[in-house]
């Protein structure tokens, strides 16, 4: 590559922002370095999600697309750092793919719930609202930074049982206990117990932050 006797060494010493500028200027190797730096983050994010009928590599690919979008859209005058912008782009692209697949199959996001967004059209109650019901004050009183929230979401999705996840997603979509009970073929008490278990699991995770 013109201008670099040892491209790998040169790229390795550069900041993410410098690499972004170089790639946009035509240095393809700069993108390879960015991918090397962020592949672990992409795999970590991908492990939190599931698309019915898709392989794990397909979700990782969605994360890679999100990273590429970050490289092409990053604006140093608006974003605090490329790393935070890239993490958001990776996460958002994966979630968009999961939602798209779920809508096509006319089914809920059966492997993902968000602390700060309800299912599907981001309307209705969130997990932060649910946990706030058991505490004094409103949801805004519970403060979690974005990095910790991502980790909690991932851990929570893995911690919930299939039934708990089904109940929670129906609840976040606006279903009453009676509606959920009828749809899942369980009694209202079982639905209430599931929601209470979810609240306890979330409280434990929040207290660890």
N, C-alpha and C. Protein backbone atom coordinates (compact mmCIF):
# COMPACT_ATOMS: atom_id res chain seq x y z
N UNK A 1 0.85 -1.20 0.00
CA UNK A 1 0.00 0.00 0.00
C UNK A 1 0.88 1.24 0.00
N UNK A 2 0.59 2.15 -0.86
CA UNK A 2 1.42 3.35 -0.99
C UNK A 2 1.44 4.14 0.30
N UNK A 3 2.66 4.56 0.69
CA UNK A 3 2.77 5.41 1.87
C UNK A 3 3.05 4.66 3.15
N UNK A 4 3.02 3.32 3.13
CA UNK A 4 3.25 2.54 4.35
C UNK A 4 4.16 1.34 4.04
N UNK A 5 5.31 1.30 4.68
CA UNK A 5 6.21 0.17 4.49
C UNK A 5 5.67 -1.06 5.19
N UNK A 6 5.06 -0.86 6.35
CA UNK A 6 4.45 -1.97 7.08
C UNK A 6 3.05 -1.55 7.45
N UNK A 7 2.10 -1.87 6.61
CA UNK A 7 0.73 -1.39 6.77
C UNK A 7 0.11 -1.84 8.08
N UNK A 8 0.30 -3.13 8.43
CA UNK A 8 -0.31 -3.65 9.65
C UNK A 8 0.15 -2.88 10.88
N UNK A 9 1.45 -2.65 10.97
CA UNK A 9 2.00 -1.93 12.11
C UNK A 9 1.52 -0.49 12.13
N UNK A 10 1.50 0.14 10.95
CA UNK A 10 1.07 1.53 10.86
C UNK A 10 -0.39 1.68 11.28
N UNK A 11 -1.25 0.82 10.76
CA UNK A 11 -2.67 0.90 11.09
C UNK A 11 -2.91 0.64 12.57
N UNK A 12 -2.15 -0.29 13.12
CA UNK A 12 -2.34 -0.66 14.52
C UNK A 12 -2.08 0.47 15.48
N UNK A 13 -1.27 1.43 15.08
CA UNK A 13 -0.94 2.55 15.95
C UNK A 13 -1.90 3.73 15.78
N UNK A 14 -2.83 3.60 14.86
CA UNK A 14 -3.73 4.71 14.57
C UNK A 14 -5.01 4.65 15.39
N UNK A 15 -5.63 5.80 15.56
CA UNK A 15 -6.93 5.86 16.24
C UNK A 15 -8.02 5.39 15.27
N UNK A 16 -9.16 5.04 15.83
CA UNK A 16 -10.28 4.63 14.99
C UNK A 16 -10.66 5.75 14.02
N UNK A 17 -10.68 6.96 14.54
CA UNK A 17 -11.09 8.10 13.72
C UNK A 17 -10.16 8.29 12.53
N UNK A 18 -8.86 8.09 12.75
CA UNK A 18 -7.89 8.21 11.66
C UNK A 18 -8.11 7.13 10.62
N UNK A 19 -8.39 5.93 11.08
CA UNK A 19 -8.65 4.81 10.17
C UNK A 19 -9.88 5.07 9.32
N UNK A 20 -10.90 5.64 9.94
CA UNK A 20 -12.12 5.97 9.20
C UNK A 20 -11.81 6.95 8.07
N UNK A 21 -11.03 7.98 8.39
CA UNK A 21 -10.68 8.97 7.38
C UNK A 21 -9.86 8.34 6.25
N UNK A 22 -8.94 7.44 6.61
CA UNK A 22 -8.10 6.80 5.60
C UNK A 22 -8.93 5.90 4.68
N UNK A 23 -9.85 5.16 5.26
CA UNK A 23 -10.68 4.27 4.43
C UNK A 23 -11.52 5.08 3.45
N UNK A 24 -12.08 6.17 3.93
CA UNK A 24 -12.88 7.01 3.04
C UNK A 24 -12.02 7.63 1.93
N UNK A 25 -10.72 7.73 2.21
CA UNK A 25 -9.80 8.28 1.21
C UNK A 25 -9.29 7.20 0.25
N UNK A 26 -9.71 5.93 0.48
CA UNK A 26 -9.35 4.87 -0.44
C UNK A 26 -8.41 3.81 0.08
N UNK A 27 -8.00 3.89 1.38
CA UNK A 27 -7.11 2.89 1.96
C UNK A 27 -7.94 1.71 2.49
N UNK A 28 -8.11 0.69 1.66
CA UNK A 28 -8.95 -0.45 2.02
C UNK A 28 -8.47 -1.15 3.29
N UNK A 29 -7.15 -1.21 3.46
CA UNK A 29 -6.60 -1.88 4.64
C UNK A 29 -7.05 -1.25 5.95
N UNK A 30 -7.41 0.03 5.93
CA UNK A 30 -7.87 0.69 7.14
C UNK A 30 -9.17 0.07 7.64
N UNK A 31 -10.02 -0.33 6.71
CA UNK A 31 -11.28 -0.97 7.11
C UNK A 31 -11.02 -2.34 7.72
N UNK A 32 -10.04 -3.05 7.20
CA UNK A 32 -9.70 -4.36 7.75
C UNK A 32 -9.24 -4.22 9.20
N UNK A 33 -8.50 -3.18 9.51
CA UNK A 33 -8.06 -2.94 10.88
C UNK A 33 -9.25 -2.62 11.79
N UNK A 34 -10.19 -1.83 11.29
CA UNK A 34 -11.38 -1.51 12.07
C UNK A 34 -12.18 -2.76 12.37
N UNK A 35 -12.33 -3.61 11.37
CA UNK A 35 -13.07 -4.87 11.56
C UNK A 35 -12.38 -5.73 12.61
N UNK A 36 -11.06 -5.82 12.54
CA UNK A 36 -10.31 -6.60 13.53
C UNK A 36 -10.56 -6.07 14.94
N UNK A 37 -10.66 -4.76 15.08
CA UNK A 37 -10.86 -4.15 16.39
C UNK A 37 -12.27 -4.38 16.93
N UNK A 38 -13.24 -4.49 16.04
CA UNK A 38 -14.64 -4.53 16.48
C UNK A 38 -15.33 -5.88 16.30
N UNK A 39 -14.62 -6.87 15.78
CA UNK A 39 -15.26 -8.16 15.56
C UNK A 39 -15.71 -8.81 16.87
N UNK A 40 -14.94 -8.62 17.94
CA UNK A 40 -15.34 -9.20 19.22
C UNK A 40 -16.62 -8.57 19.74
N UNK A 41 -16.74 -7.25 19.59
CA UNK A 41 -17.96 -6.56 20.00
C UNK A 41 -19.15 -7.06 19.19
N UNK A 42 -18.95 -7.22 17.89
CA UNK A 42 -20.04 -7.69 17.02
C UNK A 42 -20.49 -9.08 17.44
N UNK A 43 -19.55 -9.96 17.69
CA UNK A 43 -19.91 -11.32 18.11
C UNK A 43 -20.62 -11.32 19.45
N UNK A 44 -20.19 -10.45 20.35
CA UNK A 44 -20.83 -10.34 21.65
C UNK A 44 -22.27 -9.87 21.51
N UNK A 45 -22.49 -8.84 20.69
CA UNK A 45 -23.85 -8.33 20.46
C UNK A 45 -24.71 -9.40 19.80
N UNK A 46 -24.14 -10.09 18.82
CA UNK A 46 -24.90 -11.10 18.08
C UNK A 46 -25.35 -12.25 18.98
N UNK A 47 -24.57 -12.55 20.02
CA UNK A 47 -24.90 -13.66 20.91
C UNK A 47 -26.17 -13.41 21.71
N UNK A 48 -26.62 -12.15 21.76
CA UNK A 48 -27.82 -11.80 22.53
C UNK A 48 -29.10 -11.98 21.74
N UNK A 49 -28.99 -12.27 20.45
CA UNK A 49 -30.17 -12.26 19.59
C UNK A 49 -30.33 -13.57 18.82
N UNK A 50 -31.56 -13.74 18.31
CA UNK A 50 -31.87 -14.95 17.55
C UNK A 50 -32.86 -14.59 16.46
N UNK A 51 -32.58 -15.00 15.23
CA UNK A 51 -33.51 -14.82 14.13
C UNK A 51 -33.97 -16.21 13.69
N UNK A 52 -35.27 -16.52 13.82
CA UNK A 52 -35.77 -17.84 13.44
C UNK A 52 -35.36 -18.21 12.02
N UNK A 53 -34.78 -19.38 11.86
CA UNK A 53 -34.38 -19.86 10.54
C UNK A 53 -33.04 -19.35 10.07
N UNK A 54 -32.40 -18.50 10.86
CA UNK A 54 -31.11 -17.94 10.45
C UNK A 54 -29.99 -18.54 11.28
N UNK A 55 -28.79 -18.52 10.72
CA UNK A 55 -27.62 -18.99 11.43
C UNK A 55 -27.02 -17.84 12.24
N UNK A 56 -26.22 -18.17 13.24
CA UNK A 56 -25.57 -17.14 14.05
C UNK A 56 -24.69 -16.24 13.18
N UNK A 57 -24.07 -16.83 12.15
CA UNK A 57 -23.23 -16.04 11.26
C UNK A 57 -24.04 -14.97 10.53
N UNK A 58 -25.33 -15.24 10.30
CA UNK A 58 -26.17 -14.26 9.63
C UNK A 58 -26.36 -13.03 10.51
N UNK A 59 -26.48 -13.25 11.81
CA UNK A 59 -26.63 -12.13 12.74
C UNK A 59 -25.33 -11.36 12.85
N UNK A 60 -24.22 -12.09 12.87
CA UNK A 60 -22.91 -11.43 12.88
C UNK A 60 -22.75 -10.58 11.63
N UNK A 61 -23.22 -11.08 10.49
CA UNK A 61 -23.14 -10.32 9.26
C UNK A 61 -23.93 -9.02 9.35
N UNK A 62 -25.08 -9.07 10.03
CA UNK A 62 -25.86 -7.85 10.23
C UNK A 62 -25.07 -6.85 11.08
N UNK A 63 -24.34 -7.37 12.05
CA UNK A 63 -23.50 -6.50 12.86
C UNK A 63 -22.38 -5.89 12.04
N UNK A 64 -21.83 -6.68 11.11
CA UNK A 64 -20.77 -6.17 10.23
C UNK A 64 -21.30 -5.04 9.34
N UNK A 65 -22.53 -5.22 8.88
CA UNK A 65 -23.15 -4.17 8.06
C UNK A 65 -23.32 -2.91 8.89
N UNK A 66 -23.71 -3.08 10.16
CA UNK A 66 -23.85 -1.94 11.04
C UNK A 66 -22.52 -1.23 11.23
N UNK A 67 -21.44 -1.99 11.34
CA UNK A 67 -20.12 -1.39 11.49
C UNK A 67 -19.73 -0.61 10.24
N UNK A 68 -20.02 -1.18 9.08
CA UNK A 68 -19.70 -0.49 7.83
C UNK A 68 -20.49 0.82 7.73
N UNK A 69 -21.75 0.78 8.15
CA UNK A 69 -22.55 2.01 8.15
C UNK A 69 -21.92 3.05 9.07
N UNK A 70 -21.41 2.57 10.20
CA UNK A 70 -20.77 3.49 11.14
C UNK A 70 -19.56 4.16 10.50
N UNK A 71 -18.78 3.37 9.79
CA UNK A 71 -17.58 3.91 9.12
C UNK A 71 -17.98 4.97 8.09
N UNK A 72 -19.04 4.70 7.35
CA UNK A 72 -19.44 5.61 6.28
C UNK A 72 -20.20 6.83 6.79
N UNK A 73 -20.85 6.71 7.94
CA UNK A 73 -21.70 7.80 8.41
C UNK A 73 -21.13 8.57 9.59
N UNK A 74 -20.02 8.12 10.16
CA UNK A 74 -19.46 8.77 11.34
C UNK A 74 -19.11 10.23 11.05
N UNK A 75 -19.52 11.10 11.93
CA UNK A 75 -19.25 12.54 11.82
C UNK A 75 -18.57 12.98 13.11
N UNK A 76 -17.29 13.30 13.03
CA UNK A 76 -16.52 13.68 14.21
C UNK A 76 -17.04 14.94 14.88
N UNK A 77 -17.79 15.74 14.16
CA UNK A 77 -18.32 16.98 14.75
C UNK A 77 -19.58 16.73 15.56
N UNK A 78 -20.17 15.54 15.41
CA UNK A 78 -21.43 15.26 16.11
C UNK A 78 -21.30 14.14 17.14
N UNK A 79 -20.52 13.12 16.86
CA UNK A 79 -20.38 11.98 17.78
C UNK A 79 -19.17 12.19 18.68
N UNK A 80 -19.28 11.75 19.93
CA UNK A 80 -18.18 11.92 20.88
C UNK A 80 -16.98 11.06 20.52
N UNK A 81 -17.22 9.86 20.00
CA UNK A 81 -16.13 8.97 19.60
C UNK A 81 -16.66 7.96 18.59
N UNK A 82 -15.76 7.43 17.79
CA UNK A 82 -16.20 6.42 16.83
C UNK A 82 -16.65 5.15 17.55
N UNK A 83 -15.98 4.79 18.62
CA UNK A 83 -16.31 3.54 19.32
C UNK A 83 -17.76 3.53 19.81
N UNK A 84 -18.21 4.62 20.40
CA UNK A 84 -19.59 4.67 20.88
C UNK A 84 -20.58 4.68 19.72
N UNK A 85 -20.23 5.40 18.65
CA UNK A 85 -21.08 5.47 17.47
C UNK A 85 -21.17 4.10 16.81
N UNK A 86 -20.05 3.41 16.69
CA UNK A 86 -20.01 2.10 16.06
C UNK A 86 -20.81 1.08 16.86
N UNK A 87 -20.68 1.11 18.19
CA UNK A 87 -21.42 0.17 19.04
C UNK A 87 -22.92 0.35 18.85
N UNK A 88 -23.36 1.60 18.76
CA UNK A 88 -24.79 1.88 18.56
C UNK A 88 -25.25 1.40 17.19
N UNK A 89 -24.44 1.62 16.16
CA UNK A 89 -24.80 1.21 14.81
C UNK A 89 -24.89 -0.31 14.68
N UNK A 90 -23.94 -1.00 15.29
CA UNK A 90 -23.95 -2.46 15.27
C UNK A 90 -25.21 -2.99 15.95
N UNK A 91 -25.47 -2.49 17.14
CA UNK A 91 -26.63 -2.93 17.91
C UNK A 91 -27.93 -2.63 17.17
N UNK A 92 -28.06 -1.42 16.65
CA UNK A 92 -29.29 -1.03 15.97
C UNK A 92 -29.53 -1.84 14.71
N UNK A 93 -28.47 -2.14 13.97
CA UNK A 93 -28.65 -2.90 12.73
C UNK A 93 -29.08 -4.33 13.02
N UNK A 94 -28.53 -4.91 14.08
CA UNK A 94 -28.93 -6.26 14.45
C UNK A 94 -30.39 -6.28 14.89
N UNK A 95 -30.78 -5.33 15.74
CA UNK A 95 -32.15 -5.27 16.22
C UNK A 95 -33.12 -5.06 15.06
N UNK A 96 -32.76 -4.20 14.11
CA UNK A 96 -33.61 -3.97 12.95
C UNK A 96 -33.82 -5.25 12.16
N UNK A 97 -32.76 -6.04 12.00
CA UNK A 97 -32.86 -7.31 11.28
C UNK A 97 -33.76 -8.29 12.02
N UNK A 98 -33.63 -8.33 13.35
CA UNK A 98 -34.46 -9.23 14.15
C UNK A 98 -35.92 -8.83 14.04
N UNK A 99 -36.19 -7.54 14.15
CA UNK A 99 -37.58 -7.06 14.05
C UNK A 99 -38.16 -7.35 12.67
N UNK A 100 -37.37 -7.14 11.64
CA UNK A 100 -37.83 -7.38 10.28
C UNK A 100 -38.19 -8.85 10.09
N UNK A 101 -37.33 -9.75 10.59
CA UNK A 101 -37.60 -11.18 10.47
C UNK A 101 -38.84 -11.56 11.25
N UNK A 102 -39.01 -10.95 12.43
CA UNK A 102 -40.15 -11.26 13.27
C UNK A 102 -41.46 -10.83 12.61
N UNK A 103 -41.47 -9.66 12.00
CA UNK A 103 -42.68 -9.17 11.34
C UNK A 103 -43.04 -10.06 10.16
N UNK A 104 -42.05 -10.50 9.40
CA UNK A 104 -42.31 -11.35 8.24
C UNK A 104 -42.94 -12.68 8.66
N UNK A 105 -42.57 -13.13 9.84
CA UNK A 105 -43.11 -14.40 10.33
C UNK A 105 -44.33 -14.19 11.21
N UNK A 106 -44.75 -12.92 11.36
CA UNK A 106 -45.91 -12.59 12.17
C UNK A 106 -45.80 -13.16 13.57
N UNK A 107 -44.64 -12.94 14.19
CA UNK A 107 -44.40 -13.47 15.52
C UNK A 107 -43.66 -12.43 16.35
N UNK A 108 -43.71 -12.54 17.69
CA UNK A 108 -43.01 -11.56 18.52
C UNK A 108 -41.51 -11.75 18.45
N UNK A 109 -40.78 -10.78 18.98
CA UNK A 109 -39.32 -10.90 19.04
C UNK A 109 -38.99 -11.89 20.14
N UNK A 110 -39.05 -13.17 19.79
CA UNK A 110 -39.05 -14.18 20.84
C UNK A 110 -37.68 -14.47 21.43
N UNK A 111 -36.71 -13.61 21.16
CA UNK A 111 -35.45 -13.81 21.84
C UNK A 111 -34.81 -12.50 22.26
N UNK A 112 -35.60 -11.42 22.27
CA UNK A 112 -35.00 -10.15 22.66
C UNK A 112 -35.99 -9.23 23.34
N UNK A 113 -35.61 -8.68 24.46
CA UNK A 113 -36.38 -7.63 25.11
C UNK A 113 -35.41 -6.51 25.45
N UNK A 114 -35.92 -5.29 25.46
CA UNK A 114 -35.08 -4.13 25.71
C UNK A 114 -35.46 -3.47 27.02
N UNK A 115 -34.47 -2.92 27.71
CA UNK A 115 -34.74 -2.18 28.94
C UNK A 115 -35.49 -0.89 28.65
N UNK A 116 -35.19 -0.28 27.54
CA UNK A 116 -35.69 1.07 27.28
C UNK A 116 -36.66 1.19 26.12
N UNK A 117 -36.94 0.07 25.44
CA UNK A 117 -37.92 0.11 24.35
C UNK A 117 -38.85 -1.09 24.47
N UNK A 118 -40.13 -0.85 24.17
CA UNK A 118 -41.09 -1.95 24.17
C UNK A 118 -40.99 -2.67 22.83
N UNK A 119 -41.70 -3.81 22.71
CA UNK A 119 -41.57 -4.59 21.50
C UNK A 119 -42.23 -3.94 20.29
N UNK A 120 -41.82 -4.40 19.13
CA UNK A 120 -42.30 -3.93 17.83
C UNK A 120 -42.14 -2.44 17.64
N UNK A 121 -43.20 -1.66 17.69
CA UNK A 121 -43.11 -0.25 17.28
C UNK A 121 -42.64 0.67 18.38
N UNK A 122 -41.96 0.11 19.38
CA UNK A 122 -41.40 0.91 20.45
C UNK A 122 -42.46 1.71 21.19
N UNK A 123 -43.65 1.13 21.34
CA UNK A 123 -44.72 1.77 22.07
C UNK A 123 -45.08 0.90 23.26
N UNK A 124 -45.69 1.51 24.24
CA UNK A 124 -46.12 0.74 25.39
C UNK A 124 -45.09 0.72 26.50
N UNK A 125 -45.26 -0.19 27.45
CA UNK A 125 -44.43 -0.22 28.63
C UNK A 125 -43.09 -0.88 28.36
N UNK A 126 -42.06 -0.37 29.00
CA UNK A 126 -40.73 -0.93 28.86
C UNK A 126 -40.36 -1.68 30.13
N UNK A 127 -39.23 -2.37 30.09
CA UNK A 127 -38.76 -3.06 31.29
C UNK A 127 -38.43 -2.08 32.39
N UNK A 128 -37.95 -0.91 32.03
CA UNK A 128 -37.67 0.10 33.03
C UNK A 128 -38.94 0.53 33.74
N UNK A 129 -40.05 0.59 32.98
CA UNK A 129 -41.33 0.93 33.59
C UNK A 129 -41.76 -0.16 34.56
N UNK A 130 -41.60 -1.41 34.14
CA UNK A 130 -42.03 -2.53 34.96
C UNK A 130 -41.28 -2.55 36.29
N UNK A 131 -39.98 -2.41 36.22
CA UNK A 131 -39.19 -2.47 37.44
C UNK A 131 -39.49 -1.26 38.33
N UNK A 132 -39.82 -0.13 37.71
CA UNK A 132 -40.12 1.08 38.48
C UNK A 132 -41.41 0.93 39.27
N UNK A 133 -42.31 0.07 38.81
CA UNK A 133 -43.57 -0.12 39.52
C UNK A 133 -43.34 -0.62 40.94
N UNK A 134 -42.23 -1.33 41.10
CA UNK A 134 -41.96 -1.88 42.43
C UNK A 134 -41.08 -0.99 43.27
N UNK A 135 -40.78 0.22 42.80
CA UNK A 135 -39.91 1.13 43.54
C UNK A 135 -40.59 2.49 43.66
N UNK A 136 -40.07 3.31 44.54
CA UNK A 136 -40.58 4.66 44.65
C UNK A 136 -40.08 5.48 43.47
N UNK A 137 -40.89 6.42 43.01
CA UNK A 137 -40.47 7.28 41.92
C UNK A 137 -40.87 6.74 40.58
N UNK A 138 -40.45 7.40 39.51
CA UNK A 138 -40.80 7.01 38.17
C UNK A 138 -39.62 6.36 37.46
N UNK A 139 -39.83 5.84 36.24
CA UNK A 139 -38.74 5.16 35.53
C UNK A 139 -37.50 6.02 35.35
N UNK A 140 -37.70 7.32 35.20
CA UNK A 140 -36.55 8.19 34.98
C UNK A 140 -35.62 8.25 36.19
N UNK A 141 -36.11 7.80 37.36
CA UNK A 141 -35.29 7.84 38.56
C UNK A 141 -34.24 6.73 38.53
N UNK A 142 -34.43 5.73 37.66
CA UNK A 142 -33.48 4.63 37.54
C UNK A 142 -32.53 4.95 36.41
N UNK A 143 -31.29 5.25 36.74
CA UNK A 143 -30.34 5.69 35.73
C UNK A 143 -29.34 4.58 35.43
N UNK A 144 -29.24 4.22 34.13
CA UNK A 144 -28.29 3.20 33.70
C UNK A 144 -27.59 3.73 32.46
N UNK A 145 -26.28 3.71 32.44
CA UNK A 145 -25.60 4.17 31.25
C UNK A 145 -25.76 3.15 30.13
N UNK A 146 -25.55 3.58 28.89
CA UNK A 146 -25.84 2.74 27.72
C UNK A 146 -25.03 1.46 27.70
N UNK A 147 -23.78 1.52 28.09
CA UNK A 147 -22.94 0.33 28.08
C UNK A 147 -23.46 -0.71 29.06
N UNK A 148 -23.80 -0.27 30.29
CA UNK A 148 -24.33 -1.20 31.28
C UNK A 148 -25.68 -1.74 30.85
N UNK A 149 -26.50 -0.89 30.23
CA UNK A 149 -27.83 -1.32 29.80
C UNK A 149 -27.70 -2.43 28.75
N UNK A 150 -26.76 -2.29 27.82
CA UNK A 150 -26.55 -3.32 26.81
C UNK A 150 -26.20 -4.65 27.47
N UNK A 151 -25.31 -4.60 28.45
CA UNK A 151 -24.90 -5.83 29.13
C UNK A 151 -26.04 -6.46 29.90
N UNK A 152 -26.86 -5.63 30.55
CA UNK A 152 -28.00 -6.14 31.31
C UNK A 152 -29.02 -6.78 30.38
N UNK A 153 -29.30 -6.13 29.26
CA UNK A 153 -30.25 -6.68 28.30
C UNK A 153 -29.80 -8.06 27.82
N UNK A 154 -28.53 -8.15 27.48
CA UNK A 154 -28.00 -9.42 26.99
C UNK A 154 -28.13 -10.50 28.06
N UNK A 155 -27.72 -10.19 29.28
CA UNK A 155 -27.79 -11.15 30.37
C UNK A 155 -29.23 -11.54 30.68
N UNK A 156 -30.12 -10.55 30.69
CA UNK A 156 -31.51 -10.82 31.00
C UNK A 156 -32.15 -11.73 29.96
N UNK A 157 -31.88 -11.48 28.68
CA UNK A 157 -32.45 -12.32 27.64
C UNK A 157 -32.01 -13.77 27.78
N UNK A 158 -30.78 -13.96 28.26
CA UNK A 158 -30.30 -15.32 28.47
C UNK A 158 -30.86 -15.93 29.75
N UNK A 159 -31.19 -15.06 30.73
CA UNK A 159 -31.65 -15.55 32.03
C UNK A 159 -33.13 -15.95 32.03
N UNK A 160 -33.92 -15.36 31.16
CA UNK A 160 -35.35 -15.64 31.15
C UNK A 160 -35.64 -17.00 30.52
N UNK A 161 -36.63 -17.68 31.10
CA UNK A 161 -37.08 -18.93 30.51
C UNK A 161 -37.93 -18.61 29.28
N UNK A 162 -38.20 -19.61 28.46
CA UNK A 162 -39.01 -19.40 27.26
C UNK A 162 -40.38 -18.84 27.63
N UNK A 163 -40.99 -19.39 28.68
CA UNK A 163 -42.31 -18.93 29.09
C UNK A 163 -42.26 -17.49 29.61
N UNK A 164 -41.26 -17.18 30.41
CA UNK A 164 -41.12 -15.82 30.94
C UNK A 164 -40.95 -14.81 29.82
N UNK A 165 -40.16 -15.19 28.81
CA UNK A 165 -39.92 -14.30 27.68
C UNK A 165 -41.20 -14.08 26.88
N UNK A 166 -41.95 -15.16 26.67
CA UNK A 166 -43.21 -15.05 25.94
C UNK A 166 -44.19 -14.14 26.67
N UNK A 167 -44.28 -14.33 27.98
CA UNK A 167 -45.18 -13.50 28.79
C UNK A 167 -44.76 -12.04 28.74
N UNK A 168 -43.48 -11.79 28.91
CA UNK A 168 -42.98 -10.43 28.95
C UNK A 168 -43.20 -9.71 27.62
N UNK A 169 -42.92 -10.38 26.52
CA UNK A 169 -43.10 -9.76 25.21
C UNK A 169 -44.56 -9.41 24.94
N UNK A 170 -45.46 -10.30 25.36
CA UNK A 170 -46.88 -10.01 25.21
C UNK A 170 -47.28 -8.83 26.08
N UNK A 171 -46.71 -8.78 27.27
CA UNK A 171 -47.03 -7.69 28.19
C UNK A 171 -46.51 -6.35 27.67
N UNK A 172 -45.28 -6.36 27.15
CA UNK A 172 -44.70 -5.13 26.61
C UNK A 172 -45.44 -4.68 25.36
N UNK A 173 -46.12 -5.61 24.68
CA UNK A 173 -46.89 -5.26 23.50
C UNK A 173 -48.27 -4.72 23.85
N UNK A 174 -48.57 -4.66 25.16
CA UNK A 174 -49.84 -4.07 25.59
C UNK A 174 -50.90 -5.04 26.05
N UNK A 175 -50.58 -6.32 26.09
CA UNK A 175 -51.58 -7.30 26.49
C UNK A 175 -51.84 -7.28 27.99
N UNK A 176 -53.11 -7.45 28.37
CA UNK A 176 -53.46 -7.55 29.79
C UNK A 176 -53.13 -8.96 30.27
N UNK A 177 -53.14 -9.15 31.59
CA UNK A 177 -52.86 -10.48 32.13
C UNK A 177 -53.85 -11.49 31.55
N UNK A 178 -55.12 -11.09 31.46
CA UNK A 178 -56.15 -11.99 30.95
C UNK A 178 -55.91 -12.32 29.48
N UNK A 179 -55.54 -11.31 28.70
CA UNK A 179 -55.27 -11.54 27.27
C UNK A 179 -54.10 -12.50 27.09
N UNK A 180 -53.05 -12.26 27.88
CA UNK A 180 -51.85 -13.11 27.77
C UNK A 180 -52.17 -14.54 28.19
N UNK A 181 -52.93 -14.67 29.26
CA UNK A 181 -53.31 -16.00 29.75
C UNK A 181 -54.07 -16.77 28.68
N UNK A 182 -55.00 -16.08 28.02
CA UNK A 182 -55.78 -16.74 26.97
C UNK A 182 -54.93 -17.12 25.78
N UNK A 183 -54.03 -16.24 25.40
CA UNK A 183 -53.19 -16.50 24.22
C UNK A 183 -52.20 -17.62 24.46
N UNK A 184 -51.66 -17.70 25.69
CA UNK A 184 -50.65 -18.73 25.99
C UNK A 184 -51.23 -19.99 26.61
N UNK A 185 -52.54 -19.97 26.86
CA UNK A 185 -53.18 -21.16 27.42
C UNK A 185 -52.81 -21.43 28.87
N UNK A 186 -52.60 -20.37 29.63
CA UNK A 186 -52.27 -20.49 31.05
C UNK A 186 -53.24 -19.64 31.87
N UNK A 187 -53.25 -19.86 33.19
CA UNK A 187 -54.14 -19.04 34.01
C UNK A 187 -53.46 -17.71 34.35
N UNK A 188 -54.29 -16.76 34.80
CA UNK A 188 -53.81 -15.41 35.09
C UNK A 188 -52.74 -15.42 36.17
N UNK A 189 -52.89 -16.29 37.16
CA UNK A 189 -51.91 -16.37 38.25
C UNK A 189 -50.54 -16.74 37.72
N UNK A 190 -50.49 -17.65 36.77
CA UNK A 190 -49.21 -18.07 36.19
C UNK A 190 -48.56 -16.90 35.45
N UNK A 191 -49.37 -16.08 34.81
CA UNK A 191 -48.86 -14.91 34.10
C UNK A 191 -48.28 -13.91 35.10
N UNK A 192 -49.03 -13.67 36.17
CA UNK A 192 -48.56 -12.74 37.20
C UNK A 192 -47.26 -13.23 37.82
N UNK A 193 -47.18 -14.51 38.12
CA UNK A 193 -45.96 -15.08 38.70
C UNK A 193 -44.76 -14.90 37.77
N UNK A 194 -45.00 -15.08 36.47
CA UNK A 194 -43.92 -14.93 35.50
C UNK A 194 -43.40 -13.49 35.48
N UNK A 195 -44.31 -12.53 35.48
CA UNK A 195 -43.91 -11.12 35.49
C UNK A 195 -43.12 -10.79 36.76
N UNK A 196 -43.56 -11.33 37.89
CA UNK A 196 -42.85 -11.07 39.14
C UNK A 196 -41.44 -11.66 39.12
N UNK A 197 -41.29 -12.83 38.51
CA UNK A 197 -39.96 -13.44 38.40
C UNK A 197 -39.05 -12.58 37.52
N UNK A 198 -39.60 -12.06 36.44
CA UNK A 198 -38.82 -11.19 35.56
C UNK A 198 -38.37 -9.95 36.32
N UNK A 199 -39.27 -9.35 37.09
CA UNK A 199 -38.93 -8.16 37.87
C UNK A 199 -37.79 -8.44 38.84
N UNK A 200 -37.85 -9.60 39.50
CA UNK A 200 -36.80 -9.94 40.45
C UNK A 200 -35.46 -10.13 39.75
N UNK A 201 -35.48 -10.79 38.60
CA UNK A 201 -34.24 -11.00 37.86
C UNK A 201 -33.65 -9.67 37.40
N UNK A 202 -34.51 -8.77 36.95
CA UNK A 202 -34.04 -7.47 36.52
C UNK A 202 -33.49 -6.65 37.69
N UNK A 203 -34.16 -6.73 38.83
CA UNK A 203 -33.68 -6.01 40.02
C UNK A 203 -32.28 -6.47 40.41
N UNK A 204 -32.07 -7.79 40.34
CA UNK A 204 -30.76 -8.34 40.69
C UNK A 204 -29.70 -7.80 39.74
N UNK A 205 -30.01 -7.77 38.45
CA UNK A 205 -29.06 -7.28 37.46
C UNK A 205 -28.80 -5.79 37.65
N UNK A 206 -29.83 -5.01 37.94
CA UNK A 206 -29.67 -3.58 38.16
C UNK A 206 -28.80 -3.30 39.38
N UNK A 207 -28.98 -4.11 40.40
CA UNK A 207 -28.20 -3.90 41.64
C UNK A 207 -26.74 -4.25 41.46
N UNK A 208 -26.41 -4.96 40.40
CA UNK A 208 -25.01 -5.32 40.14
C UNK A 208 -24.27 -4.25 39.38
N UNK A 209 -25.01 -3.27 38.83
CA UNK A 209 -24.37 -2.23 38.04
C UNK A 209 -23.78 -1.17 38.94
